[in-house]
Amino acid sequence: MEQTMFDTLLGLPLFQGLGKVDLTRILESTRMEFTTVKSDTVFLHQGDLCAGLTFVIDGRAVMETYAADHRWSVVEEMASPFVAGLEVLYGSTRTYLHSYRATSLLRLLQMDKRTAAALTSYFEVFRLNLLNSLTTAITRREQLQWLPPAPSLDGRIIAFMRQHVSHPAGAKRFFISLPILGTYLGEDPRYVSKALHHLADQGLLRLGRRLIEIPNFERLVQAANHL
């Protein structure tokens, strides 16, 4: 049982690279709660105050993000293990930027802010893992801001999608209408529809009523280089 607990922690973001002695100290001296969540349960809500870190140990989940006016949203499939709340644990914005919903039975590890601060102070590997996660996310965002403009409407649609997802991989669903997407792109919805159908004809996405479904986001991004 003890070895299983060590393996569980070592498989989680922020704990990777810690030795057995450090893991033993963490398990003996910190307060961490292991819980399970049933499928179709929203276990973190966008806009709620972030009071700590939530590690999804195993199972399947999606991350749901709503626009500020709640007129459209993005749903991203998340591969476990992952950590939620890291980007808003400190700083002036301390409310969750996304909601998280279980799509299967999930095992979670929850850690309050005080425990996260203690681990950051006492364990250099934990601190470096945390900084690496944050700087990787910041760098990815910075790089997106400096990409050259897409020469076609197809490419601009893909660029819009890249700017509004948190992870540039996996399956995504955009719940958005043609008029709203056209407003963001500064284009007539008829031309937006034509461009989306062109991408659908290439097998890069599927279209529904107020829905754009992307089964493989990496493939869509690669296609943007040839548009």
Protein backbone atom coordinates (compact mmCIF):
# COMPACT_ATOMS: atom_id res chain seq x y z
CA MET A 1 0.00 0.00 0.00
CA GLU A 2 2.84 2.36 0.89
CA GLN A 3 4.59 1.72 -2.42
CA THR A 4 1.35 2.38 -4.29
CA MET A 5 1.06 5.78 -2.59
CA PHE A 6 4.64 6.66 -3.58
CA ASP A 7 3.96 5.64 -7.18
CA THR A 8 0.78 7.72 -7.22
CA LEU A 9 2.55 10.87 -6.07
CA LEU A 10 5.51 10.39 -8.42
CA GLY A 11 3.09 10.15 -11.35
CA LEU A 12 1.57 13.55 -10.60
CA PRO A 13 2.72 16.92 -11.93
CA LEU A 14 4.87 18.82 -9.40
CA PHE A 15 5.91 15.66 -7.50
CA GLN A 16 8.03 14.12 -10.27
CA GLY A 17 11.71 13.85 -9.33
CA LEU A 18 11.21 13.76 -5.57
CA GLY A 19 13.00 11.00 -3.66
CA LYS A 20 11.48 8.42 -1.31
CA VAL A 21 12.69 10.28 1.79
CA ASP A 22 11.04 13.52 0.68
CA LEU A 23 7.83 11.73 -0.28
CA THR A 24 7.73 10.07 3.13
CA ARG A 25 8.09 13.48 4.83
CA ILE A 26 5.31 14.88 2.67
CA LEU A 27 2.92 12.03 3.43
CA GLU A 28 3.67 12.18 7.17
CA SER A 29 3.60 15.95 7.69
CA THR A 30 1.14 17.46 5.21
CA ARG A 31 -2.61 17.44 4.86
CA MET A 32 -3.78 16.02 1.53
CA GLU A 33 -7.21 14.60 0.78
CA PHE A 34 -7.85 11.72 -1.62
CA THR A 35 -11.40 11.62 -2.98
CA THR A 36 -13.40 10.07 -5.81
CA VAL A 37 -15.82 11.83 -8.15
CA LYS A 38 -18.62 10.21 -10.12
CA SER A 39 -18.99 10.62 -13.86
CA ASP A 40 -20.79 13.78 -15.08
CA THR A 41 -19.94 15.66 -11.87
CA VAL A 42 -18.56 19.21 -12.12
CA PHE A 43 -15.90 19.21 -9.42
CA LEU A 44 -14.50 22.71 -10.03
CA HIS A 45 -16.53 25.69 -11.26
CA GLN A 46 -15.32 28.61 -13.38
CA GLY A 47 -15.51 31.81 -11.32
CA ASP A 48 -15.28 30.12 -7.91
CA LEU A 49 -12.45 31.06 -5.55
CA CYS A 50 -9.39 28.82 -5.85
CA ALA A 51 -8.36 27.67 -2.37
CA GLY A 52 -5.76 25.07 -3.39
CA LEU A 53 -4.59 22.59 -6.00
CA THR A 54 -6.60 19.67 -7.37
CA PHE A 55 -4.69 16.78 -8.93
CA VAL A 56 -6.65 14.44 -11.18
CA ILE A 57 -4.90 11.12 -10.57
CA ASP A 58 -6.71 8.93 -13.08
CA GLY A 59 -9.92 8.77 -15.07
CA ARG A 60 -11.31 11.03 -17.81
CA ALA A 61 -12.39 14.65 -17.51
CA VAL A 62 -13.15 17.67 -19.64
CA MET A 63 -12.33 21.33 -19.08
CA GLU A 64 -15.12 23.77 -19.97
CA THR A 65 -14.43 27.47 -20.54
CA TYR A 66 -17.13 30.07 -21.11
CA ALA A 67 -16.64 33.44 -22.78
CA ALA A 68 -17.13 36.48 -20.54
CA ASP A 69 -20.61 37.05 -22.00
CA HIS A 70 -21.46 33.32 -21.81
CA ARG A 71 -22.53 33.30 -25.46
CA TRP A 72 -20.07 30.58 -26.45
CA SER A 73 -17.76 28.04 -24.84
CA VAL A 74 -14.98 25.53 -25.44
CA VAL A 75 -14.79 21.98 -24.08
CA GLU A 76 -11.40 20.25 -24.02
CA GLU A 77 -10.72 16.62 -23.20
CA MET A 78 -8.04 16.33 -20.51
CA ALA A 79 -5.56 13.47 -20.17
CA SER A 80 -4.84 12.42 -16.59
CA PRO A 81 -2.83 12.99 -14.54
CA PHE A 82 -3.06 16.78 -14.49
CA VAL A 83 -3.33 19.59 -11.95
CA ALA A 84 -6.04 22.25 -11.85
CA GLY A 85 -5.83 25.67 -10.22
CA LEU A 86 -2.11 26.24 -10.55
CA GLU A 87 -2.38 29.42 -12.64
CA VAL A 88 -4.76 31.12 -10.16
CA LEU A 89 -3.42 29.87 -6.84
CA TYR A 90 -1.56 33.16 -6.29
CA GLY A 91 -1.85 36.68 -7.66
CA SER A 92 -4.69 39.16 -8.10
CA THR A 93 -6.93 36.75 -10.05
CA ARG A 94 -7.77 33.88 -7.73
CA THR A 95 -10.92 32.48 -9.30
CA TYR A 96 -10.94 29.44 -11.56
CA LEU A 97 -10.65 30.27 -15.25
CA HIS A 98 -12.30 26.97 -16.24
CA SER A 99 -14.81 24.42 -15.02
CA TYR A 100 -13.85 20.75 -14.79
CA ARG A 101 -16.30 17.89 -15.26
CA ALA A 102 -15.70 14.18 -14.79
CA THR A 103 -16.59 11.96 -17.77
CA SER A 104 -15.71 8.77 -15.88
CA LEU A 105 -15.03 7.85 -12.27
CA LEU A 106 -12.14 10.06 -11.11
CA ARG A 107 -9.63 9.86 -8.31
CA LEU A 108 -8.54 13.25 -7.00
CA LEU A 109 -5.87 14.54 -4.65
CA GLN A 110 -6.74 17.91 -3.13
CA MET A 111 -4.23 20.16 -1.41
CA ASP A 112 -5.03 23.49 0.26
CA LYS A 113 -3.07 26.67 -0.45
CA ARG A 114 -1.12 26.51 2.82
CA THR A 115 0.13 23.00 2.06
CA ALA A 116 1.12 24.01 -1.48
CA ALA A 117 3.06 26.99 -0.10
CA ALA A 118 4.86 24.77 2.44
CA LEU A 119 5.89 22.23 -0.21
CA THR A 120 7.09 25.05 -2.46
CA SER A 121 9.22 26.44 0.38
CA TYR A 122 10.74 23.19 1.64
CA PHE A 123 11.24 21.07 -1.48
CA GLU A 124 13.29 22.51 -4.34
CA VAL A 125 12.14 19.88 -6.84
CA PHE A 126 8.49 20.70 -6.12
CA ARG A 127 9.24 24.41 -6.50
CA LEU A 128 11.09 23.88 -9.81
CA ASN A 129 8.28 21.70 -11.16
CA LEU A 130 5.77 24.42 -10.28
CA LEU A 131 7.85 27.14 -11.94
CA ASN A 132 8.39 24.96 -15.01
CA SER A 133 4.65 24.39 -15.40
CA LEU A 134 3.88 28.10 -15.12
CA THR A 135 6.66 29.30 -17.43
CA THR A 136 5.78 26.68 -20.06
CA ALA A 137 2.19 27.96 -20.14
CA ILE A 138 3.32 31.59 -20.28
CA THR A 139 5.80 30.92 -23.08
CA ARG A 140 3.18 29.09 -25.14
CA ARG A 141 0.83 32.07 -24.82
CA GLU A 142 3.57 34.56 -25.72
CA GLN A 143 4.50 32.58 -28.82
CA LEU A 144 0.90 32.59 -30.05
CA GLN A 145 0.81 36.39 -29.90
CA TRP A 146 3.71 36.66 -32.36
CA LEU A 147 2.69 34.21 -35.05
CA PRO A 148 2.38 35.75 -38.54
CA PRO A 149 -1.18 36.48 -39.70
CA ALA A 150 -2.88 33.64 -41.55
CA PRO A 151 -3.21 34.32 -45.31
CA SER A 152 -6.62 32.63 -45.62
CA LEU A 153 -9.90 32.58 -43.72
CA ASP A 154 -9.37 28.87 -43.04
CA GLY A 155 -6.08 29.73 -41.34
CA ARG A 156 -7.63 32.59 -39.36
CA ILE A 157 -10.29 30.24 -38.01
CA ILE A 158 -7.60 27.83 -36.85
CA ALA A 159 -5.64 30.73 -35.31
CA PHE A 160 -8.77 31.78 -33.39
CA MET A 161 -9.14 28.25 -32.06
CA ARG A 162 -5.48 28.04 -31.05
CA GLN A 163 -5.83 31.26 -29.07
CA HIS A 164 -8.85 29.97 -27.16
CA VAL A 165 -7.69 26.54 -26.00
CA SER A 166 -5.47 25.82 -23.03
CA HIS A 167 -3.85 22.67 -24.41
CA PRO A 168 -2.88 22.44 -28.12
CA ALA A 169 -3.68 18.72 -28.29
CA GLY A 170 -6.55 16.29 -27.96
CA ALA A 171 -10.22 16.59 -28.81
CA LYS A 172 -12.03 19.95 -28.60
CA ARG A 173 -15.57 21.18 -29.04
CA PHE A 174 -16.44 24.81 -29.76
CA PHE A 175 -20.05 25.64 -28.93
CA ILE A 176 -20.34 28.81 -31.00
CA SER A 177 -22.69 30.15 -33.67
CA LEU A 178 -21.59 31.36 -37.10
CA PRO A 179 -22.62 34.99 -36.41
CA ILE A 180 -20.57 35.10 -33.19
CA LEU A 181 -17.53 33.49 -34.83
CA GLY A 182 -17.93 35.88 -37.77
CA THR A 183 -17.90 38.82 -35.37
CA TYR A 184 -14.60 37.70 -33.84
CA LEU A 185 -13.07 37.23 -37.29
CA GLY A 186 -14.60 40.35 -38.85
CA GLU A 187 -16.15 38.22 -41.62
CA ASP A 188 -19.59 37.57 -43.05
CA PRO A 189 -21.00 34.35 -41.49
CA ARG A 190 -21.60 32.96 -44.98
CA TYR A 191 -17.88 33.05 -45.74
CA VAL A 192 -17.10 31.61 -42.31
CA SER A 193 -19.49 28.73 -43.04
CA LYS A 194 -17.82 28.07 -46.39
CA ALA A 195 -14.35 27.99 -44.80
CA LEU A 196 -15.53 25.65 -42.03
CA HIS A 197 -17.05 23.26 -44.56
CA HIS A 198 -13.75 23.30 -46.47
CA LEU A 199 -11.94 22.21 -43.29
CA ALA A 200 -14.64 19.61 -42.64
CA ASP A 201 -14.20 18.21 -46.16
CA GLN A 202 -10.53 17.59 -45.28
CA GLY A 203 -11.58 15.59 -42.23
CA LEU A 204 -10.11 18.14 -39.80
CA LEU A 205 -13.35 18.89 -37.98
CA ARG A 206 -17.06 18.06 -37.82
CA LEU A 207 -19.91 20.55 -37.88
CA GLY A 208 -23.20 20.57 -36.00
CA ARG A 209 -25.74 23.14 -34.90
CA ARG A 210 -23.73 25.78 -33.02
CA LEU A 211 -20.98 23.16 -32.69
CA ILE A 212 -17.50 22.70 -34.16
CA GLU A 213 -16.00 19.37 -33.11
CA ILE A 214 -12.27 18.75 -33.55
CA PRO A 215 -11.23 15.13 -32.92
CA ASN A 216 -7.47 15.78 -33.22
CA PHE A 217 -6.31 19.32 -32.54
CA GLU A 218 -2.68 18.55 -33.38
CA ARG A 219 -3.70 17.59 -36.91
CA LEU A 220 -5.67 20.81 -37.31
CA VAL A 221 -2.66 22.89 -36.23
CA GLN A 222 -0.38 21.03 -38.65
CA ALA A 223 -2.84 21.70 -41.48
CA ALA A 224 -2.65 25.44 -40.76
CA ASN A 225 0.95 25.44 -42.01
CA HIS A 226 -0.25 24.51 -45.50
CA LEU A 227 -3.21 26.89 -45.83
